[in-house]
Amino acid sequence: MPKCRIFGVDHALKEVVANGLYMKTMIGETMSVAVIKFVETAGHGLPAKAHSHGEEASLQIRGGCSIFEVHGNGEEIERRLNTGEGMIIPAGLSHYGVNTYEGAGVSMRLNVVTPPRAEYRSDDEAPYYPLANRENESRGNAS
C-alpha cells in the first residue's frame, strides 16, 4: 500500500567525503530526492563534474551556488542560486555547480529529479555524487 515518507532535511545524512560532503537520497516511483550538504572545511575544493539527467528542481537551503550550463559549442552560462531560491534545470542539460558558503561554512540543496537518477540506489546505501576526480563507482552513468 502506498504511504507518505517524512524526512528531516539536515538529519541522518551520510558521509560521502570526510568533513566535506554529506548526502541522503530517497527514491520514489517517478522521482529521486537528494539532500546535499557541502561543508567548507573539505568541501571547498571538491572538483565539480559536468553531468546531465532528467528534469531537476533544486532549492538552495543554505549558502549559495553557481550552476554552470555547459553547451555543445563549449559555451558555459552561469546561473546564480542564493539561499531560499529555486531553479528548474531542463532534462538533458549538461551542468555542474560551484558552492558559496554561509557564515557557518555550509552550502545545502534539496534536489528533485524525474525520472529517478539511475546512479541513486536505495535509501540505505551510501549516496553517489558526481565528482570530477573519481569514477562512477559502478553506479550507472552520471553524465
Protein backbone atom coordinates (compact mmCIF):
# COMPACT_ATOMS: atom_id res chain seq x y z
CA MET A 1 0.00 0.00 0.00
CA PRO A 2 1.45 3.44 -0.90
CA LYS A 3 2.45 5.64 2.02
CA CYS A 4 3.93 9.07 2.62
CA ARG A 5 7.54 9.32 3.79
CA ILE A 6 8.65 12.12 6.08
CA PHE A 7 12.34 13.00 6.35
CA GLY A 8 14.44 15.57 8.16
CA VAL A 9 16.35 17.79 5.75
CA ASP A 10 19.55 18.04 7.85
CA HIS A 11 19.17 14.70 9.63
CA ALA A 12 20.79 11.29 9.02
CA LEU A 13 22.98 12.47 6.16
CA LYS A 14 25.65 10.01 5.07
CA GLU A 15 29.29 10.96 4.63
CA VAL A 16 30.49 10.95 1.02
CA VAL A 17 33.71 12.97 1.57
CA ALA A 18 35.01 13.34 5.14
CA ASN A 19 34.39 16.86 6.52
CA GLY A 20 33.23 17.99 3.09
CA LEU A 21 30.17 16.33 1.58
CA TYR A 22 27.15 14.69 3.18
CA MET A 23 24.03 13.39 1.43
CA LYS A 24 20.93 11.32 1.58
CA THR A 25 18.80 10.10 -1.29
CA MET A 26 15.25 8.85 -1.44
CA ILE A 27 13.77 7.08 -4.44
CA GLY A 28 10.11 7.25 -5.40
CA GLU A 29 8.31 5.64 -8.32
CA THR A 30 8.83 8.58 -10.67
CA MET A 31 11.42 10.80 -8.96
CA SER A 32 14.52 10.86 -6.80
CA VAL A 33 15.13 13.31 -3.96
CA ALA A 34 18.59 14.23 -2.70
CA VAL A 35 19.69 16.42 0.18
CA ILE A 36 23.26 17.57 -0.47
CA LYS A 37 25.30 19.34 2.21
CA PHE A 38 28.75 20.74 1.49
CA VAL A 39 30.91 21.77 4.46
CA GLU A 40 33.58 24.33 3.61
CA THR A 41 36.30 22.55 5.64
CA ALA A 42 36.92 19.91 2.94
CA GLY A 43 34.08 20.65 0.53
CA HIS A 44 35.50 23.92 -0.76
CA GLY A 45 37.98 22.28 -3.15
CA LEU A 46 35.87 19.36 -4.36
CA PRO A 47 36.04 19.29 -8.17
CA ALA A 48 32.69 19.51 -9.95
CA LYS A 49 31.85 17.17 -12.82
CA ALA A 50 29.51 18.22 -15.62
CA HIS A 51 26.58 15.81 -15.89
CA SER A 52 23.02 15.60 -17.15
CA HIS A 53 19.92 13.64 -16.20
CA GLY A 54 16.15 14.08 -16.12
CA GLU A 55 14.42 17.35 -15.26
CA GLU A 56 15.60 18.73 -11.91
CA ALA A 57 14.08 21.13 -9.40
CA SER A 58 16.68 22.45 -6.95
CA LEU A 59 16.10 24.51 -3.79
CA GLN A 60 19.07 26.24 -2.15
CA ILE A 61 18.51 25.82 1.60
CA ARG A 62 21.74 27.31 2.99
CA GLY A 63 24.61 29.18 1.36
CA GLY A 64 24.54 29.51 -2.39
CA CYS A 65 25.92 28.14 -5.62
CA SER A 66 26.57 28.93 -9.23
CA ILE A 67 25.15 26.42 -11.69
CA PHE A 68 27.03 26.40 -14.98
CA GLU A 69 25.15 25.28 -18.09
CA VAL A 70 27.56 23.51 -20.46
CA HIS A 71 26.54 23.82 -24.10
CA GLY A 72 27.75 21.79 -27.08
CA ASN A 73 29.74 24.68 -28.53
CA GLY A 74 31.82 24.87 -25.33
CA GLU A 75 29.95 27.91 -24.03
CA GLU A 76 29.21 27.94 -20.29
CA ILE A 77 26.45 30.10 -18.84
CA GLU A 78 26.46 30.82 -15.10
CA ARG A 79 23.18 30.88 -13.15
CA ARG A 80 23.44 32.11 -9.54
CA LEU A 81 21.33 30.47 -6.82
CA ASN A 82 21.07 32.13 -3.38
CA THR A 83 19.59 30.90 -0.09
CA GLY A 84 15.85 30.42 -0.45
CA GLU A 85 15.88 30.40 -4.25
CA GLY A 86 14.92 27.53 -6.52
CA MET A 87 15.85 26.54 -10.06
CA ILE A 88 14.47 24.16 -12.67
CA ILE A 89 17.12 22.52 -14.85
CA PRO A 90 15.74 21.06 -18.11
CA ALA A 91 16.21 17.34 -18.79
CA GLY A 92 19.42 16.56 -20.66
CA LEU A 93 21.12 19.94 -19.99
CA SER A 94 24.77 19.35 -19.06
CA HIS A 95 25.61 21.30 -15.90
CA TYR A 96 27.80 21.48 -12.81
CA GLY A 97 27.85 23.59 -9.67
CA VAL A 98 30.30 25.63 -7.60
CA ASN A 99 29.27 26.37 -4.00
CA THR A 100 29.42 29.50 -1.90
CA TYR A 101 29.22 29.11 1.86
CA GLU A 102 27.25 30.93 4.54
CA GLY A 103 28.85 32.14 7.77
CA ALA A 104 28.66 28.66 9.31
CA GLY A 105 30.59 27.24 6.33
CA VAL A 106 27.68 25.29 4.80
CA SER A 107 26.05 25.11 1.37
CA MET A 108 22.96 22.87 1.24
CA ARG A 109 20.48 21.99 -1.52
CA LEU A 110 17.41 19.83 -1.97
CA ASN A 111 17.24 18.34 -5.48
CA VAL A 112 14.28 16.51 -7.02
CA VAL A 113 14.87 14.73 -10.35
CA THR A 114 12.40 12.94 -12.61
CA PRO A 115 12.75 10.25 -13.72
CA PRO A 116 14.82 8.99 -10.75
CA ARG A 117 18.59 9.33 -11.19
CA ALA A 118 19.97 5.98 -12.29
CA GLU A 119 23.06 6.19 -10.06
CA TYR A 120 20.99 6.62 -6.88
CA ARG A 121 20.14 3.43 -5.05
CA SER A 122 18.08 2.52 -2.01
CA ASP A 123 17.77 4.84 0.98
CA ASP A 124 20.18 2.63 2.94
CA GLU A 125 23.17 2.76 0.57
CA ALA A 126 25.95 5.33 0.60
CA PRO A 127 24.91 8.11 -1.79
CA TYR A 128 26.71 8.86 -5.05
CA TYR A 129 27.76 12.38 -6.08
CA PRO A 130 29.41 13.16 -9.45
CA LEU A 131 32.88 14.47 -8.62
CA ALA A 132 35.40 15.10 -11.40
CA ASN A 133 38.23 13.09 -9.86
CA ARG A 134 36.50 9.75 -9.38
CA GLU A 135 34.83 7.10 -11.45
CA ASN A 136 31.11 6.33 -11.40
CA GLU A 137 31.84 3.51 -8.93
CA SER A 138 29.52 1.08 -10.71
CA ARG A 139 26.58 3.38 -10.03
CA GLY A 140 25.36 3.83 -13.58
CA ASN A 141 26.05 6.74 -15.88
CA ALA A 142 26.32 10.04 -14.01
CA SER A 143 26.57 12.11 -17.15
